[in-house]
Amino acid sequence: MTYTFVLLYYIFFATLPPQLPLLSPHFFYRIGSMGQLNSKISKRQANDKANAKPEPPRFNWLEGRGFSNKASPVYILPNDQTEMNRLNSQHYQLRLYAAPISEELKKGIRVLDVGYER
C-alpha cells in the first residue's frame, strides 16, 4: 500500500502539462497503516519541539482577558477570542451598512425588511 499511492500519483499526473508543479518523490516518506501520510518533515519538527526552550508568556491576563505582554503596546484592546468576535461583528455591520445598493434600489428591486420596532 505504501508505494501504490505514489505510483498512482505519478500515473495520474503524468499526463498533465509540464507547467503544473508536481510533488517531488521525496515528499512521500511512507503511508501509515491507517492511510496517514508520514513525512520526514513532520518527524523533524517533532524533534525540534522537544529540544526547544519554553517561550515566555505572550499575554498578561487581567480579569480573564489576554492583553499584549509588551511594555507600551500599540494594540491596547484585549487579544482573545471574545475581542476577535466583537471586531468581526463590527466589520460585517459596517460593511453591510455601507453596501452599494443604491443603484439596485433605483432599478426597483424588492426588499424584505424584517426588523421590528418596539
Protein backbone atom coordinates (compact mmCIF):
# COMPACT_ATOMS: atom_id res chain seq x y z
CA MET A 1 0.00 0.00 0.00
CA THR A 2 2.91 2.35 0.64
CA TYR A 3 4.14 2.50 -2.91
CA THR A 4 0.72 2.10 -4.51
CA PHE A 5 -0.27 5.66 -3.67
CA VAL A 6 2.97 7.10 -5.05
CA LEU A 7 2.67 5.01 -8.21
CA LEU A 8 -0.95 6.06 -8.78
CA TYR A 9 0.02 9.68 -8.17
CA TYR A 10 2.63 9.63 -10.93
CA ILE A 11 0.47 7.64 -13.35
CA PHE A 12 -2.43 10.06 -12.87
CA PHE A 13 -0.36 13.25 -13.11
CA ALA A 14 2.00 12.08 -15.88
CA THR A 15 -0.50 13.27 -18.49
CA LEU A 16 -0.69 16.83 -17.12
CA PRO A 17 1.02 19.69 -18.93
CA PRO A 18 4.59 20.30 -17.74
CA GLN A 19 3.85 23.79 -16.37
CA LEU A 20 1.83 22.32 -13.49
CA PRO A 21 4.01 21.59 -10.45
CA LEU A 22 4.25 18.04 -9.17
CA LEU A 23 5.26 16.92 -5.73
CA SER A 24 8.75 15.53 -5.61
CA PRO A 25 9.15 11.83 -4.75
CA HIS A 26 10.97 12.88 -1.58
CA PHE A 27 7.72 14.35 -0.27
CA PHE A 28 6.35 10.86 0.32
CA TYR A 29 8.15 9.07 3.10
CA ARG A 30 5.68 6.34 3.87
CA ILE A 31 1.98 5.92 4.32
CA GLY A 32 0.98 4.61 7.73
CA SER A 33 -1.34 1.69 8.40
CA MET A 34 -4.38 3.98 8.67
CA GLY A 35 -3.61 5.76 5.40
CA GLN A 36 -1.93 8.69 7.10
CA LEU A 37 0.92 10.36 5.30
CA ASN A 38 4.04 10.44 7.44
CA SER A 39 6.73 12.71 6.10
CA LYS A 40 10.30 13.39 7.14
CA ILE A 41 9.33 17.00 7.76
CA SER A 42 6.80 16.20 10.48
CA LYS A 43 9.29 13.95 12.32
CA ARG A 44 11.94 16.67 12.20
CA GLN A 45 9.50 19.24 13.58
CA ALA A 46 8.56 16.92 16.44
CA ASN A 47 12.23 16.64 17.44
CA ASP A 48 12.68 20.42 17.24
CA LYS A 49 9.75 20.96 19.60
CA ALA A 50 11.19 18.51 22.13
CA ASN A 51 14.52 20.37 22.22
CA ALA A 52 13.05 23.89 22.10
CA LYS A 53 13.27 26.25 25.06
CA PRO A 54 9.96 27.32 26.61
CA GLU A 55 8.69 30.63 25.25
CA PRO A 56 7.95 33.49 27.62
CA PRO A 57 4.24 34.23 28.04
CA ARG A 58 2.93 36.45 25.26
CA PHE A 59 -0.02 37.82 27.24
CA ASN A 60 -0.77 39.39 30.59
CA TRP A 61 -4.07 38.11 31.91
CA LEU A 62 -6.36 40.66 33.53
CA GLU A 63 -9.87 39.64 34.63
CA GLY A 64 -9.79 36.64 32.30
CA ARG A 65 -8.79 38.62 29.20
CA GLY A 66 -5.40 38.40 27.48
CA PHE A 67 -3.52 41.64 26.80
CA SER A 68 -0.23 42.10 24.95
CA ASN A 69 2.86 41.48 27.10
CA LYS A 70 4.81 44.45 25.69
CA ALA A 71 5.59 47.47 27.90
CA SER A 72 3.96 50.01 25.56
CA PRO A 73 1.58 48.07 23.33
CA VAL A 74 0.34 49.57 20.11
CA TYR A 75 -2.84 47.49 20.40
CA ILE A 76 -4.39 48.26 23.78
CA LEU A 77 -7.54 46.13 23.46
CA PRO A 78 -7.70 42.51 24.69
CA ASN A 79 -6.19 39.92 22.41
CA ASP A 80 -8.61 36.99 22.82
CA GLN A 81 -11.45 35.22 21.03
CA THR A 82 -14.13 37.46 22.52
CA GLU A 83 -12.42 40.54 21.11
CA MET A 84 -11.95 38.90 17.70
CA ASN A 85 -15.66 38.02 17.60
CA ARG A 86 -16.56 41.61 18.50
CA LEU A 87 -14.30 43.03 15.79
CA ASN A 88 -15.67 40.59 13.18
CA SER A 89 -19.23 41.57 14.08
CA GLN A 90 -18.32 45.26 13.85
CA HIS A 91 -16.68 44.69 10.46
CA TYR A 92 -19.75 42.98 8.99
CA GLN A 93 -22.12 45.62 10.40
CA LEU A 94 -20.12 48.44 8.82
CA ARG A 95 -19.65 46.57 5.56
CA LEU A 96 -23.36 45.85 5.21
CA TYR A 97 -24.36 49.37 6.25
CA ALA A 98 -22.21 50.87 3.51
CA ALA A 99 -23.23 48.31 0.87
CA PRO A 100 -23.50 49.81 -2.64
CA ILE A 101 -27.19 49.05 -3.25
CA SER A 102 -28.48 52.50 -4.25
CA GLU A 103 -28.24 51.64 -7.95
CA GLU A 104 -30.12 48.38 -7.38
CA LEU A 105 -32.84 50.23 -5.46
CA LYS A 106 -33.23 52.67 -8.36
CA LYS A 107 -33.81 49.68 -10.65
CA GLY A 108 -36.79 48.71 -8.49
CA ILE A 109 -35.58 45.62 -6.67
CA ARG A 110 -37.79 44.13 -3.97
CA VAL A 111 -36.59 44.44 -0.38
CA LEU A 112 -37.79 42.44 2.61
CA ASP A 113 -37.37 44.44 5.82
CA VAL A 114 -37.51 42.01 8.75
CA GLY A 115 -36.54 44.45 11.52
CA TYR A 116 -39.06 45.36 14.17
CA GLU A 117 -39.70 48.35 16.39
CA ARG A 118 -40.98 48.49 19.95
